[in-house]
Amino acid sequence: MLAAVSADLQAAPLFDSNDALSVTIEAPMRELLRRRHSNPEFDAELTYTDAAGIVHQIDFRLTTRGRSRLESCSFPPLRLIFDPNTTKGTIFEDQRRLKMVTQCKRGGRGANWVLQEFGIYRAYNVITDYSYRVRPLEVTFRDTKSVKWQRFQGTFLIESTGEAARRLERDSIEPPEIEPEQFSVLETTHQLLFQYLIGNTDFFGQARPVGREVLLQRSCIGRAGSGR
């Protein structure tokens, strides 16, 4: 989630629609899953057909990501790394690094978890523009080393922090710690109430030795030098 003040939206085409995009991803999937704890990076190919019926094939790099899900999921979350030269003229143009939320466990329960998490992102989009856009995908995963191995999943992509910052006319910043007074009061209120609403326990304030509270954020955006 993001903290700042409001601005006009200029969303990337990939996140302009909430319609599920059907894609095929081909990579050494079995090896990727087997070595997932070391975050291996492999050459991969993504194929999709656009609204005009044109088939696009995009070369990219595929790796695993996450912490707890790497340990608990049979199919971990993924990161797609694009070369700008391979995405020109496609719906992925200007995208660099995208997080993909996958189906952690096989079966209906795992599929429901993905839908629930997607719904949480979309709900926060309704509350504030300072939130990550998401795009649902219907993905057919194929293993380049085995013609028999194939998996189909409903997944979704998460807008990058850099893209969100550009959309909101801000800069992506990653300071080691952020003082509470640096946050927008309105957006901080949105965040804290929403965390309570969804029962998220992975969000907290941490006291420093002097006793002052410091909110720790993994991703923040703001205006350089403005303190907000």
C-alpha atoms as a PDB file:
ATOM      1  CA  MET A   1       0.000   0.000   0.000  1.00  0.00           C
ATOM      2  CA  LEU A   2       1.089   3.573  -0.653  1.00  0.00           C
ATOM      3  CA  ALA A   3       1.182   6.844   1.252  1.00  0.00           C
ATOM      4  CA  ALA A   4       1.074  10.390  -0.172  1.00  0.00           C
ATOM      5  CA  VAL A   5      -1.481  12.986  -1.335  1.00  0.00           C
ATOM      6  CA  SER A   6      -3.916  12.733  -4.259  1.00  0.00           C
ATOM      7  CA  ALA A   7      -3.142  13.422  -7.932  1.00  0.00           C
ATOM      8  CA  ASP A   8      -4.592  12.832 -11.378  1.00  0.00           C
ATOM      9  CA  LEU A   9      -4.556   9.232 -12.621  1.00  0.00           C
ATOM     10  CA  GLN A  10      -2.716   8.084 -15.725  1.00  0.00           C
ATOM     11  CA  ALA A  11      -2.887   4.323 -15.452  1.00  0.00           C
ATOM     12  CA  ALA A  12      -0.804   2.042 -17.645  1.00  0.00           C
ATOM     13  CA  PRO A  13      -2.815   0.234 -20.370  1.00  0.00           C
ATOM     14  CA  LEU A  14      -2.170  -3.120 -18.700  1.00  0.00           C
ATOM     15  CA  PHE A  15      -4.144  -1.963 -15.671  1.00  0.00           C
ATOM     16  CA  ASP A  16      -6.848  -0.032 -17.538  1.00  0.00           C
ATOM     17  CA  SER A  17      -9.081  -3.113 -17.673  1.00  0.00           C
ATOM     18  CA  ASN A  18     -10.424  -5.539 -15.101  1.00  0.00           C
ATOM     19  CA  ASP A  19     -11.074  -8.207 -17.736  1.00  0.00           C
ATOM     20  CA  ALA A  20      -9.025 -11.370 -17.344  1.00  0.00           C
ATOM     21  CA  LEU A  21      -6.193 -11.558 -19.887  1.00  0.00           C
ATOM     22  CA  SER A  22      -5.475 -15.053 -21.174  1.00  0.00           C
ATOM     23  CA  VAL A  23      -1.749 -15.758 -21.501  1.00  0.00           C
ATOM     24  CA  THR A  24       0.570 -18.717 -21.904  1.00  0.00           C
ATOM     25  CA  ILE A  25       3.897 -18.758 -20.070  1.00  0.00           C
ATOM     26  CA  GLU A  26       6.573 -21.209 -21.168  1.00  0.00           C
ATOM     27  CA  ALA A  27       9.659 -21.738 -19.007  1.00  0.00           C
ATOM     28  CA  PRO A  28      11.550 -24.527 -17.198  1.00  0.00           C
ATOM     29  CA  MET A  29       8.670 -24.585 -14.706  1.00  0.00           C
ATOM     30  CA  ARG A  30       9.482 -27.832 -12.906  1.00  0.00           C
ATOM     31  CA  GLU A  31      13.059 -26.698 -12.273  1.00  0.00           C
ATOM     32  CA  LEU A  32      11.820 -23.275 -11.201  1.00  0.00           C
ATOM     33  CA  LEU A  33       9.457 -24.833  -8.653  1.00  0.00           C
ATOM     34  CA  ARG A  34      12.071 -27.292  -7.440  1.00  0.00           C
ATOM     35  CA  ARG A  35      14.637 -24.530  -6.860  1.00  0.00           C
ATOM     36  CA  ARG A  36      12.149 -21.865  -5.765  1.00  0.00           C
ATOM     37  CA  HIS A  37      13.830 -21.150  -2.399  1.00  0.00           C
ATOM     38  CA  SER A  38      16.957 -19.813  -4.135  1.00  0.00           C
ATOM     39  CA  ASN A  39      14.967 -17.444  -6.398  1.00  0.00           C
ATOM     40  CA  PRO A  40      16.373 -18.836  -9.659  1.00  0.00           C
ATOM     41  CA  GLU A  41      15.926 -16.753 -12.784  1.00  0.00           C
ATOM     42  CA  PHE A  42      15.075 -18.359 -16.126  1.00  0.00           C
ATOM     43  CA  ASP A  43      14.419 -17.323 -19.697  1.00  0.00           C
ATOM     44  CA  ALA A  44      10.694 -17.497 -20.441  1.00  0.00           C
ATOM     45  CA  GLU A  45       8.169 -16.596 -23.112  1.00  0.00           C
ATOM     46  CA  LEU A  46       4.743 -15.039 -22.653  1.00  0.00           C
ATOM     47  CA  THR A  47       2.134 -15.330 -25.414  1.00  0.00           C
ATOM     48  CA  TYR A  48      -1.224 -13.565 -25.632  1.00  0.00           C
ATOM     49  CA  THR A  49      -3.703 -12.483 -28.292  1.00  0.00           C
ATOM     50  CA  ASP A  50      -4.865  -8.863 -28.327  1.00  0.00           C
ATOM     51  CA  ALA A  51      -8.349  -7.522 -29.087  1.00  0.00           C
ATOM     52  CA  ALA A  52      -7.503  -7.271 -32.807  1.00  0.00           C
ATOM     53  CA  GLY A  53      -6.602 -10.951 -32.938  1.00  0.00           C
ATOM     54  CA  ILE A  54      -2.855 -10.320 -33.172  1.00  0.00           C
ATOM     55  CA  VAL A  55      -0.689 -12.853 -31.346  1.00  0.00           C
ATOM     56  CA  HIS A  56       2.165 -11.360 -29.315  1.00  0.00           C
ATOM     57  CA  GLN A  57       5.139 -13.346 -28.034  1.00  0.00           C
ATOM     58  CA  ILE A  58       7.324 -11.643 -25.439  1.00  0.00           C
ATOM     59  CA  ASP A  59      10.658 -12.928 -24.152  1.00  0.00           C
ATOM     60  CA  PHE A  60      11.251 -12.163 -20.478  1.00  0.00           C
ATOM     61  CA  ARG A  61      12.915 -13.482 -17.320  1.00  0.00           C
ATOM     62  CA  LEU A  62      10.933 -15.396 -14.708  1.00  0.00           C
ATOM     63  CA  THR A  63      11.810 -15.902 -11.045  1.00  0.00           C
ATOM     64  CA  THR A  64      10.185 -16.676  -7.707  1.00  0.00           C
ATOM     65  CA  ARG A  65       9.609 -14.136  -4.937  1.00  0.00           C
ATOM     66  CA  GLY A  66       8.195 -13.815  -1.445  1.00  0.00           C
ATOM     67  CA  ARG A  67       9.163 -15.104   1.963  1.00  0.00           C
ATOM     68  CA  SER A  68       6.556 -17.135   3.837  1.00  0.00           C
ATOM     69  CA  ARG A  69       4.876 -18.266   0.631  1.00  0.00           C
ATOM     70  CA  LEU A  70       8.130 -19.735  -0.616  1.00  0.00           C
ATOM     71  CA  GLU A  71       7.973 -22.033   2.393  1.00  0.00           C
ATOM     72  CA  SER A  72       4.253 -22.798   2.497  1.00  0.00           C
ATOM     73  CA  CYS A  73       3.147 -22.795  -1.159  1.00  0.00           C
ATOM     74  CA  SER A  74       3.567 -25.626  -3.618  1.00  0.00           C
ATOM     75  CA  PHE A  75       3.379 -22.982  -6.367  1.00  0.00           C
ATOM     76  CA  PRO A  76       5.085 -19.785  -5.169  1.00  0.00           C
ATOM     77  CA  PRO A  77       4.403 -16.199  -6.262  1.00  0.00           C
ATOM     78  CA  LEU A  78       6.401 -15.086  -9.285  1.00  0.00           C
ATOM     79  CA  ARG A  79       8.164 -12.042 -10.652  1.00  0.00           C
ATOM     80  CA  LEU A  80       8.178 -11.185 -14.357  1.00  0.00           C
ATOM     81  CA  ILE A  81      11.181  -9.159 -15.557  1.00  0.00           C
ATOM     82  CA  PHE A  82      10.803  -7.495 -18.961  1.00  0.00           C
ATOM     83  CA  ASP A  83      13.275  -5.928 -21.363  1.00  0.00           C
ATOM     84  CA  PRO A  84      11.700  -2.695 -22.696  1.00  0.00           C
ATOM     85  CA  ASN A  85      12.838  -3.605 -26.203  1.00  0.00           C
ATOM     86  CA  THR A  86      10.678  -6.748 -26.244  1.00  0.00           C
ATOM     87  CA  THR A  87       7.433  -5.148 -25.033  1.00  0.00           C
ATOM     88  CA  LYS A  88       7.021  -2.266 -27.485  1.00  0.00           C
ATOM     89  CA  GLY A  89       3.614  -2.313 -29.135  1.00  0.00           C
ATOM     90  CA  THR A  90       2.189  -4.763 -26.577  1.00  0.00           C
ATOM     91  CA  ILE A  91      -0.016  -4.371 -23.534  1.00  0.00           C
ATOM     92  CA  PHE A  92       3.143  -4.853 -21.438  1.00  0.00           C
ATOM     93  CA  GLU A  93       4.889  -1.825 -22.927  1.00  0.00           C
ATOM     94  CA  ASP A  94       6.812   0.238 -20.329  1.00  0.00           C
ATOM     95  CA  GLN A  95       6.517  -2.522 -17.732  1.00  0.00           C
ATOM     96  CA  ARG A  96       9.800  -3.620 -16.137  1.00  0.00           C
ATOM     97  CA  ARG A  97       9.244  -5.811 -13.096  1.00  0.00           C
ATOM     98  CA  LEU A  98       5.812  -7.163 -12.218  1.00  0.00           C
ATOM     99  CA  LYS A  99       4.695  -9.263  -9.277  1.00  0.00           C
ATOM    100  CA  MET A 100       2.358 -12.133 -10.044  1.00  0.00           C
ATOM    101  CA  VAL A 101       0.126 -13.602  -7.346  1.00  0.00           C
ATOM    102  CA  THR A 102      -0.341 -17.293  -8.091  1.00  0.00           C
ATOM    103  CA  GLN A 103      -2.449 -20.123  -6.723  1.00  0.00           C
ATOM    104  CA  CYS A 104      -0.549 -21.217  -3.624  1.00  0.00           C
ATOM    105  CA  LYS A 105      -2.251 -24.597  -3.347  1.00  0.00           C
ATOM    106  CA  ARG A 106      -3.924 -26.719  -5.997  1.00  0.00           C
ATOM    107  CA  GLY A 107      -7.683 -27.189  -5.933  1.00  0.00           C
ATOM    108  CA  GLY A 108     -10.665 -25.009  -5.175  1.00  0.00           C
ATOM    109  CA  ARG A 109      -9.293 -23.682  -1.902  1.00  0.00           C
ATOM    110  CA  GLY A 110      -6.172 -22.289  -3.558  1.00  0.00           C
ATOM    111  CA  ALA A 111      -8.228 -20.726  -6.345  1.00  0.00           C
ATOM    112  CA  ASN A 112     -10.490 -19.034  -3.792  1.00  0.00           C
ATOM    113  CA  TRP A 113      -7.488 -17.551  -1.981  1.00  0.00           C
ATOM    114  CA  VAL A 114      -6.380 -15.842  -5.212  1.00  0.00           C
ATOM    115  CA  LEU A 115      -9.864 -14.422  -5.786  1.00  0.00           C
ATOM    116  CA  GLN A 116     -10.045 -13.193  -2.208  1.00  0.00           C
ATOM    117  CA  GLU A 117      -6.684 -11.445  -2.402  1.00  0.00           C
ATOM    118  CA  PHE A 118      -7.571  -9.885  -5.758  1.00  0.00           C
ATOM    119  CA  GLY A 119     -10.806  -8.608  -4.232  1.00  0.00           C
ATOM    120  CA  ILE A 120      -8.900  -6.981  -1.378  1.00  0.00           C
ATOM    121  CA  TYR A 121      -6.736  -5.011  -3.803  1.00  0.00           C
ATOM    122  CA  ARG A 122      -9.794  -3.925  -5.785  1.00  0.00           C
ATOM    123  CA  ALA A 123     -11.628  -2.895  -2.636  1.00  0.00           C
ATOM    124  CA  TYR A 124      -8.752  -0.643  -1.641  1.00  0.00           C
ATOM    125  CA  ASN A 125      -8.739   0.853  -5.161  1.00  0.00           C
ATOM    126  CA  VAL A 126     -12.287   2.040  -4.456  1.00  0.00           C
ATOM    127  CA  ILE A 127     -11.217   3.705  -1.212  1.00  0.00           C
ATOM    128  CA  THR A 128      -8.181   5.565  -2.535  1.00  0.00           C
ATOM    129  CA  ASP A 129      -6.144   6.213  -5.663  1.00  0.00           C
ATOM    130  CA  TYR A 130      -3.051   5.561  -3.540  1.00  0.00           C
ATOM    131  CA  SER A 131      -3.267   1.829  -4.018  1.00  0.00           C
ATOM    132  CA  TYR A 132      -1.780  -0.733  -6.358  1.00  0.00           C
ATOM    133  CA  ARG A 133      -3.787  -1.533  -9.484  1.00  0.00           C
ATOM    134  CA  VAL A 134      -4.186  -5.196 -10.332  1.00  0.00           C
ATOM    135  CA  ARG A 135      -4.995  -7.134 -13.507  1.00  0.00           C
ATOM    136  CA  PRO A 136      -6.466 -10.645 -13.510  1.00  0.00           C
ATOM    137  CA  LEU A 137      -4.857 -13.250 -15.742  1.00  0.00           C
ATOM    138  CA  GLU A 138      -5.814 -16.715 -16.890  1.00  0.00           C
ATOM    139  CA  VAL A 139      -2.439 -18.384 -17.242  1.00  0.00           C
ATOM    140  CA  THR A 140      -1.464 -21.631 -18.874  1.00  0.00           C
ATOM    141  CA  PHE A 141       1.985 -22.569 -17.577  1.00  0.00           C
ATOM    142  CA  ARG A 142       4.004 -24.937 -19.765  1.00  0.00           C
ATOM    143  CA  ASP A 143       7.344 -26.544 -19.111  1.00  0.00           C
ATOM    144  CA  THR A 144       9.859 -26.091 -21.917  1.00  0.00           C
ATOM    145  CA  LYS A 145      11.555 -29.359 -20.977  1.00  0.00           C
ATOM    146  CA  SER A 146       8.431 -31.524 -20.816  1.00  0.00           C
ATOM    147  CA  VAL A 147       5.564 -31.595 -23.325  1.00  0.00           C
ATOM    148  CA  LYS A 148       3.350 -33.315 -20.730  1.00  0.00           C
ATOM    149  CA  TRP A 149       3.713 -30.821 -17.875  1.00  0.00           C
ATOM    150  CA  GLN A 150       1.055 -28.097 -17.879  1.00  0.00           C
ATOM    151  CA  ARG A 151      -0.805 -26.076 -15.243  1.00  0.00           C
ATOM    152  CA  PHE A 152      -3.720 -23.652 -15.570  1.00  0.00           C
ATOM    153  CA  GLN A 153      -4.271 -20.964 -12.949  1.00  0.00           C
ATOM    154  CA  GLY A 154      -6.249 -17.830 -12.338  1.00  0.00           C
ATOM    155  CA  THR A 155      -3.625 -15.287 -11.207  1.00  0.00           C
ATOM    156  CA  PHE A 156      -3.190 -11.533 -11.121  1.00  0.00           C
ATOM    157  CA  LEU A 157      -0.454  -8.963 -11.675  1.00  0.00           C
ATOM    158  CA  ILE A 158       0.291  -6.096  -9.291  1.00  0.00           C
ATOM    159  CA  GLU A 159       1.225  -2.639 -10.517  1.00  0.00           C
ATOM    160  CA  SER A 160       4.849  -1.793  -9.710  1.00  0.00           C
ATOM    161  CA  THR A 161       5.654   0.924  -7.187  1.00  0.00           C
ATOM    162  CA  GLY A 162       7.432   2.899  -9.910  1.00  0.00           C
ATOM    163  CA  GLU A 163       4.388   2.764 -12.179  1.00  0.00           C
ATOM    164  CA  ALA A 164       2.087   3.778  -9.327  1.00  0.00           C
ATOM    165  CA  ALA A 165       4.381   6.715  -8.543  1.00  0.00           C
ATOM    166  CA  ARG A 166       4.302   7.903 -12.172  1.00  0.00           C
ATOM    167  CA  ARG A 167       0.531   7.527 -12.304  1.00  0.00           C
ATOM    168  CA  LEU A 168       0.190   9.671  -9.193  1.00  0.00           C
ATOM    169  CA  GLU A 169       2.932  12.105 -10.230  1.00  0.00           C
ATOM    170  CA  ARG A 170       5.190  11.173  -7.342  1.00  0.00           C
ATOM    171  CA  ASP A 171       8.602   9.564  -6.827  1.00  0.00           C
ATOM    172  CA  SER A 172       9.251   6.072  -5.525  1.00  0.00           C
ATOM    173  CA  ILE A 173      11.256   6.333  -2.300  1.00  0.00           C
ATOM    174  CA  GLU A 174      12.796   3.720  -0.034  1.00  0.00           C
ATOM    175  CA  PRO A 175      14.157   5.425   3.097  1.00  0.00           C
ATOM    176  CA  PRO A 176      15.282   3.163   5.952  1.00  0.00           C
ATOM    177  CA  GLU A 177      12.566   4.498   8.242  1.00  0.00           C
ATOM    178  CA  ILE A 178       9.775   7.008   7.923  1.00  0.00           C
ATOM    179  CA  GLU A 179       8.515   9.268  10.679  1.00  0.00           C
ATOM    180  CA  PRO A 180       4.716   9.218  11.198  1.00  0.00           C
ATOM    181  CA  GLU A 181       4.428  12.956  10.526  1.00  0.00           C
ATOM    182  CA  GLN A 182       5.782  12.407   7.006  1.00  0.00           C
ATOM    183  CA  PHE A 183       2.677  10.463   5.973  1.00  0.00           C
ATOM    184  CA  SER A 184      -0.495  11.994   4.620  1.00  0.00           C
ATOM    185  CA  VAL A 185      -2.946  11.896   7.528  1.00  0.00           C
ATOM    186  CA  LEU A 186      -5.832  10.984   5.240  1.00  0.00           C
ATOM    187  CA  GLU A 187      -4.001   8.165   3.442  1.00  0.00           C
ATOM    188  CA  THR A 188      -2.573   6.786   6.681  1.00  0.00           C
ATOM    189  CA  THR A 189      -6.089   6.683   8.114  1.00  0.00           C
ATOM    190  CA  HIS A 190      -7.287   4.860   5.004  1.00  0.00           C
ATOM    191  CA  GLN A 191      -4.506   2.303   5.372  1.00  0.00           C
ATOM    192  CA  LEU A 192      -4.888   1.614   9.067  1.00  0.00           C
ATOM    193  CA  LEU A 193      -8.671   1.271   8.946  1.00  0.00           C
ATOM    194  CA  PHE A 194      -8.444  -0.986   5.892  1.00  0.00           C
ATOM    195  CA  GLN A 195      -5.823  -3.212   7.546  1.00  0.00           C
ATOM    196  CA  TYR A 196      -8.216  -3.610  10.466  1.00  0.00           C
ATOM    197  CA  LEU A 197     -11.121  -4.281   8.117  1.00  0.00           C
ATOM    198  CA  ILE A 198      -9.376  -7.158   6.338  1.00  0.00           C
ATOM    199  CA  GLY A 199      -7.753  -8.527   9.478  1.00  0.00           C
ATOM    200  CA  ASN A 200      -4.189  -8.043   8.238  1.00  0.00           C
ATOM    201  CA  THR A 201      -1.696  -8.743  11.034  1.00  0.00           C
ATOM    202  CA  ASP A 202       1.398  -8.152   8.835  1.00  0.00           C
ATOM    203  CA  PHE A 203       1.391  -4.388   9.331  1.00  0.00           C
ATOM    204  CA  PHE A 204       2.732  -2.632  12.401  1.00  0.00           C
ATOM    205  CA  GLY A 205       4.473   0.289  14.078  1.00  0.00           C
ATOM    206  CA  GLN A 206       7.827  -0.299  15.733  1.00  0.00           C
ATOM    207  CA  ALA A 207       9.133   1.623  18.709  1.00  0.00           C
ATOM    208  CA  ARG A 208      12.687   2.945  18.655  1.00  0.00           C
ATOM    209  CA  PRO A 209      14.818   3.016  21.830  1.00  0.00           C
ATOM    210  CA  VAL A 210      13.742   6.602  22.539  1.00  0.00           C
ATOM    211  CA  GLY A 211      10.137   5.434  22.587  1.00  0.00           C
ATOM    212  CA  ARG A 212       8.882   7.182  19.460  1.00  0.00           C
ATOM    213  CA  GLU A 213       6.794   5.269  16.965  1.00  0.00           C
ATOM    214  CA  VAL A 214       8.100   4.742  13.441  1.00  0.00           C
ATOM    215  CA  LEU A 215       5.877   3.255  10.760  1.00  0.00           C
ATOM    216  CA  LEU A 216       7.766   0.788   8.583  1.00  0.00           C
ATOM    217  CA  GLN A 217       6.686   0.643   4.961  1.00  0.00           C
ATOM    218  CA  ARG A 218       8.117  -1.609   2.252  1.00  0.00           C
ATOM    219  CA  SER A 219       7.061   0.761  -0.554  1.00  0.00           C
ATOM    220  CA  CYS A 220       6.344   4.475  -0.380  1.00  0.00           C
ATOM    221  CA  ILE A 221       5.887   7.316  -2.818  1.00  0.00           C
ATOM    222  CA  GLY A 222       6.155  11.058  -2.343  1.00  0.00           C
ATOM    223  CA  ARG A 223       7.701  14.287  -3.606  1.00  0.00           C
ATOM    224  CA  ALA A 224      11.459  14.438  -3.259  1.00  0.00           C
ATOM    225  CA  GLY A 225      12.488  16.902  -0.537  1.00  0.00           C
ATOM    226  CA  SER A 226       8.940  17.599   0.540  1.00  0.00           C
ATOM    227  CA  GLY A 227       8.920  15.379   3.619  1.00  0.00           C
ATOM    228  CA  ARG A 228       5.595  13.928   2.445  1.00  0.00           C
END
